[in-house]
C-alpha atoms as a PDB file:
ATOM      1  CA  MET A   1       7.667-122.955  51.761  1.00  0.00           C
ATOM      2  CA  PHE A   2       6.842-119.127  51.261  1.00  0.00           C
ATOM      3  CA  GLU A   3       6.112-117.570  48.214  1.00  0.00           C
ATOM      4  CA  VAL A   4       8.017-114.302  47.583  1.00  0.00           C
ATOM      5  CA  THR A   5       9.073-111.842  44.937  1.00  0.00           C
ATOM      6  CA  LEU A   6      12.324-110.943  44.202  1.00  0.00           C
ATOM      7  CA  VAL A   7      12.480-106.933  43.481  1.00  0.00           C
ATOM      8  CA  VAL A   8      15.808-105.982  42.071  1.00  0.00           C
ATOM      9  CA  VAL A   9      16.472-102.398  42.501  1.00  0.00           C
ATOM     10  CA  PRO A  10      20.041-100.820  41.358  1.00  0.00           C
ATOM     11  CA  PRO A  11      22.878-101.280  43.696  1.00  0.00           C
ATOM     12  CA  GLY A  12      22.014 -98.572  46.715  1.00  0.00           C
ATOM     13  CA  GLY A  13      18.422 -98.992  45.863  1.00  0.00           C
ATOM     14  CA  GLY A  14      16.257 -96.727  43.681  1.00  0.00           C
ATOM     15  CA  GLU A  15      13.056 -97.677  41.424  1.00  0.00           C
ATOM     16  CA  ALA A  16      12.598-101.439  40.560  1.00  0.00           C
ATOM     17  CA  ASP A  17      14.638-102.534  37.587  1.00  0.00           C
ATOM     18  CA  TYR A  18      12.587-106.220  37.466  1.00  0.00           C
ATOM     19  CA  SER A  19      10.865-108.664  39.472  1.00  0.00           C
ATOM     20  CA  LEU A  20      11.268-112.680  39.802  1.00  0.00           C
ATOM     21  CA  ARG A  21       8.616-114.374  41.871  1.00  0.00           C
ATOM     22  CA  MET A  22       9.993-117.737  43.816  1.00  0.00           C
ATOM     23  CA  THR A  23       9.331-120.529  46.311  1.00  0.00           C
ATOM     24  CA  VAL A  24      11.497-120.541  49.184  1.00  0.00           C
ATOM     25  CA  PRO A  25      12.057-123.010  52.133  1.00  0.00           C
ATOM     26  CA  ALA A  26      13.124-119.927  53.942  1.00  0.00           C
ATOM     27  CA  LEU A  27      13.438-115.909  54.065  1.00  0.00           C
ATOM     28  CA  PRO A  28      16.355-114.541  52.787  1.00  0.00           C
ATOM     29  CA  ARG A  29      17.400-111.711  55.367  1.00  0.00           C
ATOM     30  CA  GLU A  30      19.581-108.347  55.162  1.00  0.00           C
ATOM     31  CA  GLY A  31      22.740-109.178  53.723  1.00  0.00           C
ATOM     32  CA  ASP A  32      22.421-112.507  52.485  1.00  0.00           C
ATOM     33  CA  TYR A  33      23.854-113.687  48.905  1.00  0.00           C
ATOM     34  CA  LEU A  34      20.927-114.726  45.823  1.00  0.00           C
ATOM     35  CA  THR A  35      22.160-116.373  42.932  1.00  0.00           C
ATOM     36  CA  VAL A  36      19.535-117.382  40.268  1.00  0.00           C
ATOM     37  CA  LEU A  37      20.623-119.489  37.587  1.00  0.00           C
ATOM     38  CA  ARG A  38      18.264-119.579  34.838  1.00  0.00           C
ATOM     39  CA  LYS A  39      16.961-122.460  33.090  1.00  0.00           C
ATOM     40  CA  ASP A  40      14.914-123.489  29.828  1.00  0.00           C
ATOM     41  CA  ALA A  41      11.046-123.129  30.330  1.00  0.00           C
ATOM     42  CA  ALA A  42      11.200-127.089  30.394  1.00  0.00           C
ATOM     43  CA  GLY A  43      13.269-127.096  33.156  1.00  0.00           C
ATOM     44  CA  LYS A  44      16.239-127.986  31.251  1.00  0.00           C
ATOM     45  CA  ASP A  45      19.870-127.526  31.932  1.00  0.00           C
ATOM     46  CA  ARG A  46      21.476-125.243  28.916  1.00  0.00           C
ATOM     47  CA  GLU A  47      25.171-124.333  28.239  1.00  0.00           C
ATOM     48  CA  PHE A  48      25.763-122.493  31.562  1.00  0.00           C
ATOM     49  CA  PRO A  49      25.306-118.560  30.597  1.00  0.00           C
ATOM     50  CA  GLY A  50      26.072-117.668  33.923  1.00  0.00           C
ATOM     51  CA  THR A  51      24.285-116.191  36.578  1.00  0.00           C
ATOM     52  CA  GLU A  52      22.567-113.253  38.067  1.00  0.00           C
ATOM     53  CA  ASP A  53      23.504-112.286  41.953  1.00  0.00           C
ATOM     54  CA  PHE A  54      21.996-110.187  43.966  1.00  0.00           C
ATOM     55  CA  ILE A  55      22.551-109.178  47.802  1.00  0.00           C
ATOM     56  CA  VAL A  56      19.375-108.696  50.164  1.00  0.00           C
ATOM     57  CA  ARG A  57      18.570-105.198  50.901  1.00  0.00           C
ATOM     58  CA  ARG A  58      15.281-105.645  53.165  1.00  0.00           C
ATOM     59  CA  VAL A  59      11.853-107.874  53.552  1.00  0.00           C
ATOM     60  CA  TRP A  60       8.932-106.322  52.508  1.00  0.00           C
ATOM     61  CA  TRP A  61       5.589-107.843  54.175  1.00  0.00           C
ATOM     62  CA  THR A  62       1.909-106.660  53.017  1.00  0.00           C
ATOM     63  CA  PHE A  63      -0.442-108.325  55.640  1.00  0.00           C
ATOM     64  CA  GLU A  64      -4.154-108.713  54.262  1.00  0.00           C
ATOM     65  CA  PHE A  65      -6.630-108.191  57.476  1.00  0.00           C
ATOM     66  CA  PRO A  66     -10.524-108.436  57.252  1.00  0.00           C
ATOM     67  CA  ASP A  67     -11.615-105.282  58.707  1.00  0.00           C
ATOM     68  CA  ASP A  68     -15.192-105.919  60.167  1.00  0.00           C
ATOM     69  CA  GLY A  69     -15.816-102.239  61.099  1.00  0.00           C
ATOM     70  CA  GLU A  70     -15.932-103.076  65.146  1.00  0.00           C
ATOM     71  CA  ILE A  71     -13.252-101.480  67.240  1.00  0.00           C
ATOM     72  CA  TYR A  72     -14.006-103.903  69.852  1.00  0.00           C
ATOM     73  CA  HIS A  73     -13.944-107.657  69.991  1.00  0.00           C
ATOM     74  CA  VAL A  74     -14.663-110.951  72.724  1.00  0.00           C
ATOM     75  CA  ALA A  75     -11.139-112.485  73.193  1.00  0.00           C
ATOM     76  CA  GLY A  76     -10.932-115.286  70.736  1.00  0.00           C
ATOM     77  CA  GLU A  77     -13.425-114.190  68.329  1.00  0.00           C
ATOM     78  CA  ASP A  78     -11.633-111.398  67.096  1.00  0.00           C
ATOM     79  CA  PRO A  79     -10.358-111.439  62.877  1.00  0.00           C
ATOM     80  CA  VAL A  80      -7.103-112.791  62.180  1.00  0.00           C
ATOM     81  CA  GLY A  81      -5.000-111.087  59.447  1.00  0.00           C
ATOM     82  CA  GLN A  82      -2.718-113.382  57.030  1.00  0.00           C
ATOM     83  CA  VAL A  83       0.412-112.762  55.106  1.00  0.00           C
ATOM     84  CA  GLY A  84      -0.355-111.096  51.376  1.00  0.00           C
ATOM     85  CA  GLN A  85       3.063-110.606  50.259  1.00  0.00           C
ATOM     86  CA  ILE A  86       6.749-111.192  50.763  1.00  0.00           C
ATOM     87  CA  GLY A  87       8.863-108.841  48.623  1.00  0.00           C
ATOM     88  CA  ILE A  88      12.232-109.703  48.842  1.00  0.00           C
ATOM     89  CA  GLU A  89      14.265-106.156  47.716  1.00  0.00           C
ATOM     90  CA  CYS A  90      17.875-106.749  46.363  1.00  0.00           C
ATOM     91  CA  GLU A  91      20.408-105.141  44.728  1.00  0.00           C
ATOM     92  CA  TYR A  92      22.712-106.274  41.836  1.00  0.00           C
ATOM     93  CA  ALA A  93      26.088-107.720  42.699  1.00  0.00           C
ATOM     94  CA  ILE A  94      28.463-109.504  41.291  1.00  0.00           C
ATOM     95  CA  GLY A  95      29.569-112.961  42.002  1.00  0.00           C
ATOM     96  CA  PRO A  96      31.690-115.371  40.855  1.00  0.00           C
ATOM     97  CA  TYR A  97      29.579-116.819  38.144  1.00  0.00           C
ATOM     98  CA  SER A  98      28.122-113.678  37.138  1.00  0.00           C
ATOM     99  CA  SER A  99      26.971-113.354  33.577  1.00  0.00           C
ATOM    100  CA  GLN A 100      28.225-110.955  31.121  1.00  0.00           C
ATOM    101  CA  THR A 101      24.877-109.686  30.928  1.00  0.00           C
ATOM    102  CA  HIS A 102      24.607-108.940  34.381  1.00  0.00           C
ATOM    103  CA  LYS A 103      27.962-107.661  35.239  1.00  0.00           C
ATOM    104  CA  ARG A 104      26.381-104.985  32.188  1.00  0.00           C
ATOM    105  CA  ASP A 105      23.327-104.564  33.707  1.00  0.00           C
ATOM    106  CA  SER A 106      24.669-104.130  37.248  1.00  0.00           C
ATOM    107  CA  GLY A 107      26.452-101.016  36.494  1.00  0.00           C
ATOM    108  CA  PRO A 108      29.808 -99.414  38.231  1.00  0.00           C
ATOM    109  CA  ASP A 109      28.677 -99.367  41.675  1.00  0.00           C
ATOM    110  CA  ALA A 110      27.612-103.071  42.030  1.00  0.00           C
ATOM    111  CA  ARG A 111      28.680-104.764  45.201  1.00  0.00           C
ATOM    112  CA  THR A 112      30.765-107.952  44.796  1.00  0.00           C
ATOM    113  CA  PHE A 113      30.343-110.931  47.238  1.00  0.00           C
ATOM    114  CA  GLU A 114      33.059-111.831  49.046  1.00  0.00           C
ATOM    115  CA  ALA A 115      35.214-115.028  48.853  1.00  0.00           C
ATOM    116  CA  SER A 116      34.530-117.723  50.592  1.00  0.00           C
ATOM    117  CA  ALA A 117      36.315-121.095  51.719  1.00  0.00           C
ATOM    118  CA  TYR A 118      33.923-123.209  49.640  1.00  0.00           C
END
């Protein structure tokens, strides 16, 4: 599992409107469709208000490296960095069940999910 931050930007990119932290089993890729269905704080379903839909623009990786100030290291004894944060930049899109609020917030330039066979 990966902990990621969905960073929501307007269609075409730009300054982030908001972000959501998520735990995901795999990393989304550019072009993937993402749908968020909000539940109440207790995790209970509420009357279906519609979804928030997005298309992934890019994945931002932030790495942390333990810099010890040395230029050279003995093989196998060098410091090893790790992933600090993974940001999934995604832009508003209109899906088949998008809420009215989401449609309004998406603006006129939002892309639309393509119809599928399921």
